[in-house]
Amino acid sequence: RSIADLAGAAVIDRVHLAEAIQYRRALATR
């Protein structure tokens, strides 16, 4: 794997993590 692939995967993981946190907050505020 190239460094660009690893960096891209890290960005995607971070985006998914942020979405998961927002989703959890949305469920918690119900």
Protein backbone atom coordinates (compact mmCIF):
# COMPACT_ATOMS: atom_id res chain seq x y z
CA ARG A 1 0.00 0.00 0.00
CA SER A 2 1.23 3.46 -0.84
CA ILE A 3 1.32 6.39 1.55
CA ALA A 4 -1.47 8.03 -0.45
CA ASP A 5 -3.66 4.96 0.04
CA LEU A 6 -3.00 4.98 3.78
CA ALA A 7 -3.72 8.70 4.03
CA GLY A 8 -6.95 8.26 2.06
CA ALA A 9 -8.03 5.41 4.32
CA ALA A 10 -7.29 7.51 7.42
CA VAL A 11 -9.42 10.37 6.09
CA ILE A 12 -12.29 8.01 5.28
CA ASP A 13 -12.05 6.41 8.74
CA ARG A 14 -12.17 9.86 10.33
CA VAL A 15 -15.24 10.83 8.29
CA HIS A 16 -17.00 7.60 9.26
CA LEU A 17 -16.11 8.19 12.90
CA ALA A 18 -17.57 11.71 12.80
CA GLU A 19 -20.74 10.40 11.16
CA ALA A 20 -21.06 7.66 13.78
CA ILE A 21 -20.71 10.22 16.59
CA GLN A 22 -23.34 12.50 15.04
CA TYR A 23 -25.67 9.51 14.56
CA ARG A 24 -25.24 8.51 18.20
CA ARG A 25 -25.92 12.07 19.36
CA ALA A 26 -29.06 12.19 17.20
CA LEU A 27 -30.30 8.99 18.83
CA ALA A 28 -29.42 10.26 22.31
CA THR A 29 -31.30 13.53 21.88
CA ARG A 30 -34.55 11.75 21.01
